[in-house]
């Protein structure tokens, strides 16, 4: 039986450089596409958060107006008169800020 010698083909520097260039070009394109998609995703999330913040600000303003309406002196005095109580004139309102 004869022994077969398998010779490994030596890699030329040009083939190595070509392979590295092709691999780096493919990876560059893949990361570019991924980063653009991720940037679009983040922009959509930012838009959604800004929209939810705007709706919450509107709701807060509506609640603030309702609180101001419910805490007027005339409304409180009408409730006390309906319950048969009397209010003194020396009432001081301290706003919560």
PDB file of N, CA and C in Angstrom:
ATOM      1  N   UNK A   1       0.834  -1.163   0.000  1.00  0.00           N
ATOM      2  CA  UNK A   1       0.000   0.000   0.000  1.00  0.00           C
ATOM      3  C   UNK A   1       0.882   1.229   0.000  1.00  0.00           C
ATOM      4  N   UNK A   2       0.403   2.060  -0.793  1.00  0.00           N
ATOM      5  CA  UNK A   2       1.160   3.279  -0.974  1.00  0.00           C
ATOM      6  C   UNK A   2       0.516   4.419  -0.196  1.00  0.00           C
ATOM      7  N   UNK A   3       1.322   5.187   0.411  1.00  0.00           N
ATOM      8  CA  UNK A   3       0.843   6.332   1.186  1.00  0.00           C
ATOM      9  C   UNK A   3       0.598   7.500   0.244  1.00  0.00           C
ATOM     10  N   UNK A   4      -0.577   8.090   0.348  1.00  0.00           N
ATOM     11  CA  UNK A   4      -0.859   9.256  -0.477  1.00  0.00           C
ATOM     12  C   UNK A   4      -0.582  10.517   0.327  1.00  0.00           C
ATOM     13  N   UNK A   5       0.140  11.349  -0.254  1.00  0.00           N
ATOM     14  CA  UNK A   5       0.425  12.640   0.366  1.00  0.00           C
ATOM     15  C   UNK A   5      -0.554  13.670  -0.150  1.00  0.00           C
ATOM     16  N   UNK A   6      -1.259  14.215   0.766  1.00  0.00           N
ATOM     17  CA  UNK A   6      -2.178  15.291   0.377  1.00  0.00           C
ATOM     18  C   UNK A   6      -1.462  16.589   0.660  1.00  0.00           C
ATOM     19  N   UNK A   7      -1.298  17.324  -0.362  1.00  0.00           N
ATOM     20  CA  UNK A   7      -0.627  18.605  -0.212  1.00  0.00           C
ATOM     21  C   UNK A   7      -1.670  19.683   0.033  1.00  0.00           C
ATOM     22  N   UNK A   8      -1.438  20.459   1.008  1.00  0.00           N
ATOM     23  CA  UNK A   8      -2.319  21.590   1.258  1.00  0.00           C
ATOM     24  C   UNK A   8      -1.919  22.697   0.315  1.00  0.00           C
ATOM     25  N   UNK A   9      -2.945  23.273  -0.255  1.00  0.00           N
ATOM     26  CA  UNK A   9      -2.684  24.368  -1.170  1.00  0.00           C
ATOM     27  C   UNK A   9      -2.364  25.608  -0.352  1.00  0.00           C
ATOM     28  N   UNK A  10      -1.264  26.214  -0.647  1.00  0.00           N
ATOM     29  CA  UNK A  10      -0.892  27.420   0.063  1.00  0.00           C
ATOM     30  C   UNK A  10      -1.790  28.556  -0.373  1.00  0.00           C
ATOM     31  N   UNK A  11      -2.226  29.320   0.612  1.00  0.00           N
ATOM     32  CA  UNK A  11      -3.116  30.428   0.308  1.00  0.00           C
ATOM     33  C   UNK A  11      -2.267  31.625  -0.100  1.00  0.00           C
ATOM     34  N   UNK A  12      -2.615  32.134  -1.236  1.00  0.00           N
ATOM     35  CA  UNK A  12      -1.938  33.298  -1.766  1.00  0.00           C
ATOM     36  C   UNK A  12      -2.404  34.531  -1.004  1.00  0.00           C
ATOM     37  N   UNK A  13      -1.580  35.539  -0.866  1.00  0.00           N
ATOM     38  CA  UNK A  13      -1.945  36.750  -0.136  1.00  0.00           C
ATOM     39  C   UNK A  13      -3.072  37.491  -0.841  1.00  0.00           C
ATOM     40  N   UNK A  14      -3.114  37.394  -2.153  1.00  0.00           N
ATOM     41  CA  UNK A  14      -4.165  38.079  -2.907  1.00  0.00           C
ATOM     42  C   UNK A  14      -5.523  37.406  -2.704  1.00  0.00           C
ATOM     43  N   UNK A  15      -5.539  36.107  -2.647  1.00  0.00           N
ATOM     44  CA  UNK A  15      -6.807  35.416  -2.398  1.00  0.00           C
ATOM     45  C   UNK A  15      -7.276  35.687  -0.969  1.00  0.00           C
ATOM     46  N   UNK A  16      -6.353  35.744  -0.041  1.00  0.00           N
ATOM     47  CA  UNK A  16      -6.720  36.071   1.335  1.00  0.00           C
ATOM     48  C   UNK A  16      -7.290  37.483   1.418  1.00  0.00           C
ATOM     49  N   UNK A  17      -6.643  38.433   0.757  1.00  0.00           N
ATOM     50  CA  UNK A  17      -7.128  39.813   0.761  1.00  0.00           C
ATOM     51  C   UNK A  17      -8.485  39.914   0.081  1.00  0.00           C
ATOM     52  N   UNK A  18      -8.679  39.182  -0.998  1.00  0.00           N
ATOM     53  CA  UNK A  18      -9.964  39.205  -1.708  1.00  0.00           C
ATOM     54  C   UNK A  18     -11.076  38.632  -0.833  1.00  0.00           C
ATOM     55  N   UNK A  19     -10.801  37.535  -0.173  1.00  0.00           N
ATOM     56  CA  UNK A  19     -11.813  36.924   0.694  1.00  0.00           C
ATOM     57  C   UNK A  19     -12.158  37.848   1.866  1.00  0.00           C
ATOM     58  N   UNK A  20     -11.151  38.437   2.460  1.00  0.00           N
ATOM     59  CA  UNK A  20     -11.406  39.380   3.560  1.00  0.00           C
ATOM     60  C   UNK A  20     -12.208  40.585   3.086  1.00  0.00           C
ATOM     61  N   UNK A  21     -11.908  41.074   1.900  1.00  0.00           N
ATOM     62  CA  UNK A  21     -12.652  42.210   1.355  1.00  0.00           C
ATOM     63  C   UNK A  21     -14.112  41.850   1.113  1.00  0.00           C
ATOM     64  N   UNK A  22     -14.351  40.678   0.540  1.00  0.00           N
ATOM     65  CA  UNK A  22     -15.730  40.251   0.260  1.00  0.00           C
ATOM     66  C   UNK A  22     -16.497  40.068   1.572  1.00  0.00           C
ATOM     67  N   UNK A  23     -15.868  39.446   2.548  1.00  0.00           N
ATOM     68  CA  UNK A  23     -16.533  39.239   3.841  1.00  0.00           C
ATOM     69  C   UNK A  23     -16.833  40.575   4.519  1.00  0.00           C
ATOM     70  N   UNK A  24     -15.873  41.488   4.490  1.00  0.00           N
ATOM     71  CA  UNK A  24     -16.110  42.785   5.125  1.00  0.00           C
ATOM     72  C   UNK A  24     -17.175  43.588   4.388  1.00  0.00           C
ATOM     73  N   UNK A  25     -17.221  43.480   3.056  1.00  0.00           N
ATOM     74  CA  UNK A  25     -18.253  44.191   2.286  1.00  0.00           C
ATOM     75  C   UNK A  25     -19.640  43.653   2.616  1.00  0.00           C
ATOM     76  N   UNK A  26     -19.771  42.348   2.715  1.00  0.00           N
ATOM     77  CA  UNK A  26     -21.068  41.743   3.045  1.00  0.00           C
ATOM     78  C   UNK A  26     -21.487  42.137   4.460  1.00  0.00           C
ATOM     79  N   UNK A  27     -20.555  42.090   5.412  1.00  0.00           N
ATOM     80  CA  UNK A  27     -20.876  42.485   6.780  1.00  0.00           C
ATOM     81  C   UNK A  27     -21.238  43.962   6.877  1.00  0.00           C
ATOM     82  N   UNK A  28     -20.565  44.804   6.115  1.00  0.00           N
ATOM     83  CA  UNK A  28     -20.889  46.229   6.097  1.00  0.00           C
ATOM     84  C   UNK A  28     -22.310  46.464   5.602  1.00  0.00           C
ATOM     85  N   UNK A  29     -22.698  45.787   4.531  1.00  0.00           N
ATOM     86  CA  UNK A  29     -24.057  45.934   3.999  1.00  0.00           C
ATOM     87  C   UNK A  29     -25.102  45.433   4.990  1.00  0.00           C
ATOM     88  N   UNK A  30     -24.796  44.318   5.638  1.00  0.00           N
ATOM     89  CA  UNK A  30     -25.755  43.777   6.607  1.00  0.00           C
ATOM     90  C   UNK A  30     -25.925  44.715   7.798  1.00  0.00           C
ATOM     91  N   UNK A  31     -24.840  45.242   8.330  1.00  0.00           N
ATOM     92  CA  UNK A  31     -24.963  46.149   9.468  1.00  0.00           C
ATOM     93  C   UNK A  31     -25.622  47.459   9.070  1.00  0.00           C
ATOM     94  N   UNK A  32     -25.379  47.908   7.852  1.00  0.00           N
ATOM     95  CA  UNK A  32     -26.017  49.140   7.389  1.00  0.00           C
ATOM     96  C   UNK A  32     -27.531  48.969   7.326  1.00  0.00           C
ATOM     97  N   UNK A  33     -27.979  47.866   6.774  1.00  0.00           N
ATOM     98  CA  UNK A  33     -29.418  47.599   6.688  1.00  0.00           C
ATOM     99  C   UNK A  33     -30.018  47.444   8.083  1.00  0.00           C
ATOM    100  N   UNK A  34     -29.332  46.724   8.958  1.00  0.00           N
ATOM    101  CA  UNK A  34     -29.823  46.524  10.319  1.00  0.00           C
ATOM    102  C   UNK A  34     -29.944  47.845  11.061  1.00  0.00           C
ATOM    103  N   UNK A  35     -28.921  48.696  10.949  1.00  0.00           N
ATOM    104  CA  UNK A  35     -28.952  49.968  11.672  1.00  0.00           C
ATOM    105  C   UNK A  35     -30.040  50.895  11.143  1.00  0.00           C
ATOM    106  N   UNK A  36     -30.282  50.885   9.857  1.00  0.00           N
ATOM    107  CA  UNK A  36     -31.374  51.714   9.313  1.00  0.00           C
ATOM    108  C   UNK A  36     -32.728  51.221   9.800  1.00  0.00           C
ATOM    109  N   UNK A  37     -32.902  49.917   9.822  1.00  0.00           N
ATOM    110  CA  UNK A  37     -34.174  49.362  10.309  1.00  0.00           C
ATOM    111  C   UNK A  37     -34.366  49.681  11.788  1.00  0.00           C
ATOM    112  N   UNK A  38     -33.314  49.568  12.564  1.00  0.00           N
ATOM    113  CA  UNK A  38     -33.401  49.861  13.990  1.00  0.00           C
ATOM    114  C   UNK A  38     -33.662  51.343  14.233  1.00  0.00           C
ATOM    115  N   UNK A  39     -33.064  52.196  13.421  1.00  0.00           N
ATOM    116  CA  UNK A  39     -33.305  53.637  13.530  1.00  0.00           C
ATOM    117  C   UNK A  39     -34.763  53.968  13.224  1.00  0.00           C
ATOM    118  N   UNK A  40     -35.327  53.325  12.217  1.00  0.00           N
ATOM    119  CA  UNK A  40     -36.740  53.536  11.897  1.00  0.00           C
ATOM    120  C   UNK A  40     -37.631  53.067  13.043  1.00  0.00           C
ATOM    121  N   UNK A  41     -37.290  51.938  13.629  1.00  0.00           N
ATOM    122  CA  UNK A  41     -38.044  51.409  14.759  1.00  0.00           C
ATOM    123  C   UNK A  41     -38.016  52.386  15.927  1.00  0.00           C
ATOM    124  N   UNK A  42     -36.843  52.954  16.216  1.00  0.00           N
ATOM    125  CA  UNK A  42     -36.731  53.912  17.312  1.00  0.00           C
ATOM    126  C   UNK A  42     -37.511  55.191  17.021  1.00  0.00           C
ATOM    127  N   UNK A  43     -37.524  55.635  15.775  1.00  0.00           N
ATOM    128  CA  UNK A  43     -38.289  56.832  15.424  1.00  0.00           C
ATOM    129  C   UNK A  43     -39.786  56.610  15.625  1.00  0.00           C
ATOM    130  N   UNK A  44     -40.261  55.431  15.289  1.00  0.00           N
ATOM    131  CA  UNK A  44     -41.681  55.110  15.494  1.00  0.00           C
ATOM    132  C   UNK A  44     -42.000  55.092  16.993  1.00  0.00           C
ATOM    133  N   UNK A  45     -41.112  54.506  17.802  1.00  0.00           N
ATOM    134  CA  UNK A  45     -41.323  54.482  19.252  1.00  0.00           C
ATOM    135  C   UNK A  45     -41.346  55.891  19.836  1.00  0.00           C
ATOM    136  N   UNK A  46     -40.444  56.751  19.371  1.00  0.00           N
ATOM    137  CA  UNK A  46     -40.407  58.137  19.856  1.00  0.00           C
ATOM    138  C   UNK A  46     -41.707  58.847  19.511  1.00  0.00           C
ATOM    139  N   UNK A  47     -42.196  58.641  18.298  1.00  0.00           N
ATOM    140  CA  UNK A  47     -43.453  59.269  17.888  1.00  0.00           C
ATOM    141  C   UNK A  47     -44.609  58.784  18.759  1.00  0.00           C
ATOM    142  N   UNK A  48     -44.646  57.486  19.047  1.00  0.00           N
ATOM    143  CA  UNK A  48     -45.709  56.939  19.898  1.00  0.00           C
ATOM    144  C   UNK A  48     -45.648  57.521  21.313  1.00  0.00           C
ATOM    145  N   UNK A  49     -44.443  57.631  21.861  1.00  0.00           N
ATOM    146  CA  UNK A  49     -44.299  58.197  23.204  1.00  0.00           C
ATOM    147  C   UNK A  49     -44.718  59.667  23.237  1.00  0.00           C
ATOM    148  N   UNK A  50     -44.355  60.420  22.207  1.00  0.00           N
ATOM    149  CA  UNK A  50     -44.749  61.832  22.170  1.00  0.00           C
ATOM    150  C   UNK A  50     -46.260  61.971  22.059  1.00  0.00           C
ATOM    151  N   UNK A  51     -46.895  61.092  21.301  1.00  0.00           N
ATOM    152  CA  UNK A  51     -48.354  61.134  21.178  1.00  0.00           C
ATOM    153  C   UNK A  51     -49.016  60.792  22.512  1.00  0.00           C
ATOM    154  N   UNK A  52     -48.491  59.802  23.214  1.00  0.00           N
ATOM    155  CA  UNK A  52     -49.089  59.447  24.508  1.00  0.00           C
ATOM    156  C   UNK A  52     -48.860  60.559  25.533  1.00  0.00           C
ATOM    157  N   UNK A  53     -47.723  61.229  25.473  1.00  0.00           N
ATOM    158  CA  UNK A  53     -47.465  62.358  26.375  1.00  0.00           C
ATOM    159  C   UNK A  53     -48.447  63.482  26.103  1.00  0.00           C
ATOM    160  N   UNK A  54     -48.735  63.750  24.829  1.00  0.00           N
ATOM    161  CA  UNK A  54     -49.676  64.820  24.488  1.00  0.00           C
ATOM    162  C   UNK A  54     -51.079  64.498  25.001  1.00  0.00           C
ATOM    163  N   UNK A  55     -51.514  63.256  24.867  1.00  0.00           N
ATOM    164  CA  UNK A  55     -52.848  62.897  25.368  1.00  0.00           C
ATOM    165  C   UNK A  55     -52.899  62.982  26.886  1.00  0.00           C
ATOM    166  N   UNK A  56     -51.822  62.584  27.559  1.00  0.00           N
ATOM    167  CA  UNK A  56     -51.807  62.681  29.026  1.00  0.00           C
ATOM    168  C   UNK A  56     -51.814  64.134  29.486  1.00  0.00           C
ATOM    169  N   UNK A  57     -51.151  65.009  28.749  1.00  0.00           N
ATOM    170  CA  UNK A  57     -51.181  66.428  29.105  1.00  0.00           C
ATOM    171  C   UNK A  57     -52.588  66.993  28.958  1.00  0.00           C
ATOM    172  N   UNK A  58     -53.301  66.570  27.906  1.00  0.00           N
ATOM    173  CA  UNK A  58     -54.682  67.018  27.734  1.00  0.00           C
ATOM    174  C   UNK A  58     -55.559  66.520  28.877  1.00  0.00           C
ATOM    175  N   UNK A  59     -55.382  65.249  29.251  1.00  0.00           N
ATOM    176  CA  UNK A  59     -56.172  64.697  30.349  1.00  0.00           C
ATOM    177  C   UNK A  59     -55.865  65.421  31.665  1.00  0.00           C
ATOM    178  N   UNK A  60     -54.598  65.711  31.903  1.00  0.00           N
ATOM    179  CA  UNK A  60     -54.228  66.437  33.127  1.00  0.00           C
ATOM    180  C   UNK A  60     -54.849  67.829  33.151  1.00  0.00           C
ATOM    181  N   UNK A  61     -54.860  68.494  32.015  1.00  0.00           N
ATOM    182  CA  UNK A  61     -55.457  69.827  31.955  1.00  0.00           C
ATOM    183  C   UNK A  61     -56.962  69.759  32.206  1.00  0.00           C
ATOM    184  N   UNK A  62     -57.619  68.735  31.659  1.00  0.00           N
ATOM    185  CA  UNK A  62     -59.057  68.589  31.886  1.00  0.00           C
ATOM    186  C   UNK A  62     -59.345  68.318  33.364  1.00  0.00           C
ATOM    187  N   UNK A  63     -58.553  67.480  33.997  1.00  0.00           N
ATOM    188  CA  UNK A  63     -58.741  67.181  35.420  1.00  0.00           C
ATOM    189  C   UNK A  63     -58.476  68.430  36.258  1.00  0.00           C
ATOM    190  N   UNK A  64     -57.445  69.188  35.885  1.00  0.00           N
ATOM    191  CA  UNK A  64     -57.132  70.416  36.613  1.00  0.00           C
ATOM    192  C   UNK A  64     -58.293  71.413  36.508  1.00  0.00           C
ATOM    193  N   UNK A  65     -58.897  71.521  35.332  1.00  0.00           N
ATOM    194  CA  UNK A  65     -60.048  72.418  35.170  1.00  0.00           C
ATOM    195  C   UNK A  65     -61.231  71.930  36.002  1.00  0.00           C
ATOM    196  N   UNK A  66     -61.443  70.625  36.045  1.00  0.00           N
ATOM    197  CA  UNK A  66     -62.546  70.072  36.824  1.00  0.00           C
ATOM    198  C   UNK A  66     -62.335  70.308  38.317  1.00  0.00           C
ATOM    199  N   UNK A  67     -61.107  70.165  38.787  1.00  0.00           N
ATOM    200  CA  UNK A  67     -60.814  70.426  40.197  1.00  0.00           C
ATOM    201  C   UNK A  67     -61.060  71.889  40.524  1.00  0.00           C
ATOM    202  N   UNK A  68     -60.628  72.781  39.650  1.00  0.00           N
ATOM    203  CA  UNK A  68     -60.867  74.207  39.874  1.00  0.00           C
ATOM    204  C   UNK A  68     -62.365  74.526  39.904  1.00  0.00           C
ATOM    205  N   UNK A  69     -63.114  73.859  39.057  1.00  0.00           N
ATOM    206  CA  UNK A  69     -64.563  74.092  39.012  1.00  0.00           C
ATOM    207  C   UNK A  69     -65.230  73.561  40.284  1.00  0.00           C
ATOM    208  N   UNK A  70     -64.775  72.409  40.765  1.00  0.00           N
ATOM    209  CA  UNK A  70     -65.404  71.820  41.946  1.00  0.00           C
ATOM    210  C   UNK A  70     -65.010  72.523  43.237  1.00  0.00           C
ATOM    211  N   UNK A  71     -63.916  73.237  43.242  1.00  0.00           N
ATOM    212  CA  UNK A  71     -63.475  73.865  44.485  1.00  0.00           C
ATOM    213  C   UNK A  71     -63.846  75.347  44.572  1.00  0.00           C
ATOM    214  N   UNK A  72     -64.787  75.797  43.781  1.00  0.00           N
ATOM    215  CA  UNK A  72     -65.206  77.202  43.878  1.00  0.00           C
ATOM    216  C   UNK A  72     -66.012  77.423  45.160  1.00  0.00           C
ATOM    217  N   UNK A  73     -65.994  78.636  45.638  1.00  0.00           N
ATOM    218  CA  UNK A  73     -66.657  78.999  46.889  1.00  0.00           C
ATOM    219  C   UNK A  73     -68.175  78.837  46.785  1.00  0.00           C
ATOM    220  N   UNK A  74     -68.751  79.220  45.638  1.00  0.00           N
ATOM    221  CA  UNK A  74     -70.205  79.119  45.475  1.00  0.00           C
ATOM    222  C   UNK A  74     -70.677  77.668  45.534  1.00  0.00           C
ATOM    223  N   UNK A  75     -69.935  76.780  44.942  1.00  0.00           N
ATOM    224  CA  UNK A  75     -70.324  75.373  44.944  1.00  0.00           C
ATOM    225  C   UNK A  75     -70.255  74.808  46.363  1.00  0.00           C
ATOM    226  N   UNK A  76     -69.214  75.122  47.087  1.00  0.00           N
ATOM    227  CA  UNK A  76     -69.074  74.614  48.456  1.00  0.00           C
ATOM    228  C   UNK A  76     -70.159  75.193  49.360  1.00  0.00           C
ATOM    229  N   UNK A  77     -70.454  76.474  49.182  1.00  0.00           N
ATOM    230  CA  UNK A  77     -71.490  77.082  50.018  1.00  0.00           C
ATOM    231  C   UNK A  77     -72.868  76.511  49.699  1.00  0.00           C
ATOM    232  N   UNK A  78     -73.145  76.158  48.449  1.00  0.00           N
ATOM    233  CA  UNK A  78     -74.440  75.550  48.120  1.00  0.00           C
ATOM    234  C   UNK A  78     -74.571  74.179  48.779  1.00  0.00           C
ATOM    235  N   UNK A  79     -73.475  73.403  48.864  1.00  0.00           N
ATOM    236  CA  UNK A  79     -73.535  72.112  49.547  1.00  0.00           C
ATOM    237  C   UNK A  79     -73.757  72.282  51.042  1.00  0.00           C
ATOM    238  N   UNK A  80     -73.102  73.249  51.631  1.00  0.00           N
ATOM    239  CA  UNK A  80     -73.273  73.435  53.076  1.00  0.00           C
ATOM    240  C   UNK A  80     -74.683  73.912  53.404  1.00  0.00           C
ATOM    241  N   UNK A  81     -75.251  74.773  52.555  1.00  0.00           N
ATOM    242  CA  UNK A  81     -76.628  75.219  52.786  1.00  0.00           C
ATOM    243  C   UNK A  81     -77.607  74.077  52.618  1.00  0.00           C
ATOM    244  N   UNK A  82     -77.353  73.200  51.670  1.00  0.00           N
ATOM    245  CA  UNK A  82     -78.238  72.057  51.444  1.00  0.00           C
ATOM    246  C   UNK A  82     -78.196  71.088  52.623  1.00  0.00           C
ATOM    247  N   UNK A  83     -77.072  70.991  53.294  1.00  0.00           N
ATOM    248  CA  UNK A  83     -76.933  70.110  54.451  1.00  0.00           C
ATOM    249  C   UNK A  83     -77.387  70.786  55.734  1.00  0.00           C
ATOM    250  N   UNK A  84     -77.723  72.072  55.675  1.00  0.00           N
ATOM    251  CA  UNK A  84     -78.201  72.780  56.844  1.00  0.00           C
ATOM    252  C   UNK A  84     -77.075  73.347  57.691  1.00  0.00           C
ATOM    253  N   UNK A  85     -75.882  73.440  57.144  1.00  0.00           N
ATOM    254  CA  UNK A  85     -74.761  74.008  57.883  1.00  0.00           C
ATOM    255  C   UNK A  85     -74.564  75.456  57.452  1.00  0.00           C
ATOM    256  N   UNK A  86     -73.831  76.163  58.275  1.00  0.00           N
ATOM    257  CA  UNK A  86     -73.526  77.538  57.910  1.00  0.00           C
ATOM    258  C   UNK A  86     -72.016  77.687  57.791  1.00  0.00           C
ATOM    259  N   UNK A  87     -71.598  78.543  56.893  1.00  0.00           N
ATOM    260  CA  UNK A  87     -70.168  78.767  56.682  1.00  0.00           C
ATOM    261  C   UNK A  87     -69.809  80.126  57.257  1.00  0.00           C
ATOM    262  N   UNK A  88     -68.661  80.180  57.864  1.00  0.00           N
ATOM    263  CA  UNK A  88     -68.188  81.465  58.363  1.00  0.00           C
ATOM    264  C   UNK A  88     -67.498  82.213  57.234  1.00  0.00           C
ATOM    265  N   UNK A  89     -67.359  83.496  57.400  1.00  0.00           N
ATOM    266  CA  UNK A  89     -66.786  84.331  56.357  1.00  0.00           C
ATOM    267  C   UNK A  89     -65.264  84.231  56.342  1.00  0.00           C
ATOM    268  N   UNK A  90     -64.680  83.743  57.393  1.00  0.00           N
ATOM    269  CA  UNK A  90     -63.222  83.713  57.519  1.00  0.00           C
ATOM    270  C   UNK A  90     -62.623  82.435  56.938  1.00  0.00           C
ATOM    271  N   UNK A  91     -62.951  82.094  55.728  1.00  0.00           N
ATOM    272  CA  UNK A  91     -62.414  80.905  55.072  1.00  0.00           C
ATOM    273  C   UNK A  91     -61.244  81.342  54.206  1.00  0.00           C
ATOM    274  N   UNK A  92     -60.149  80.650  54.368  1.00  0.00           N
ATOM    275  CA  UNK A  92     -58.952  80.955  53.571  1.00  0.00           C
ATOM    276  C   UNK A  92     -58.626  79.708  52.746  1.00  0.00           C
ATOM    277  N   UNK A  93     -58.513  79.881  51.436  1.00  0.00           N
ATOM    278  CA  UNK A  93     -58.146  78.772  50.542  1.00  0.00           C
ATOM    279  C   UNK A  93     -56.643  78.822  50.313  1.00  0.00           C
ATOM    280  N   UNK A  94     -55.994  77.710  50.545  1.00  0.00           N
ATOM    281  CA  UNK A  94     -54.560  77.592  50.286  1.00  0.00           C
ATOM    282  C   UNK A  94     -54.382  76.693  49.064  1.00  0.00           C
ATOM    283  N   UNK A  95     -53.892  77.241  47.979  1.00  0.00           N
ATOM    284  CA  UNK A  95     -53.762  76.408  46.761  1.00  0.00           C
ATOM    285  C   UNK A  95     -52.628  75.388  46.925  1.00  0.00           C
ATOM    286  N   UNK A  96     -52.835  74.226  46.334  1.00  0.00           N
ATOM    287  CA  UNK A  96     -51.804  73.176  46.349  1.00  0.00           C
ATOM    288  C   UNK A  96     -50.941  73.326  45.100  1.00  0.00           C
ATOM    289  N   UNK A  97     -49.725  73.724  45.289  1.00  0.00           N
ATOM    290  CA  UNK A  97     -48.825  73.886  44.133  1.00  0.00           C
ATOM    291  C   UNK A  97     -47.549  73.189  44.391  1.00  0.00           C
TER     292      UNK A  97
END
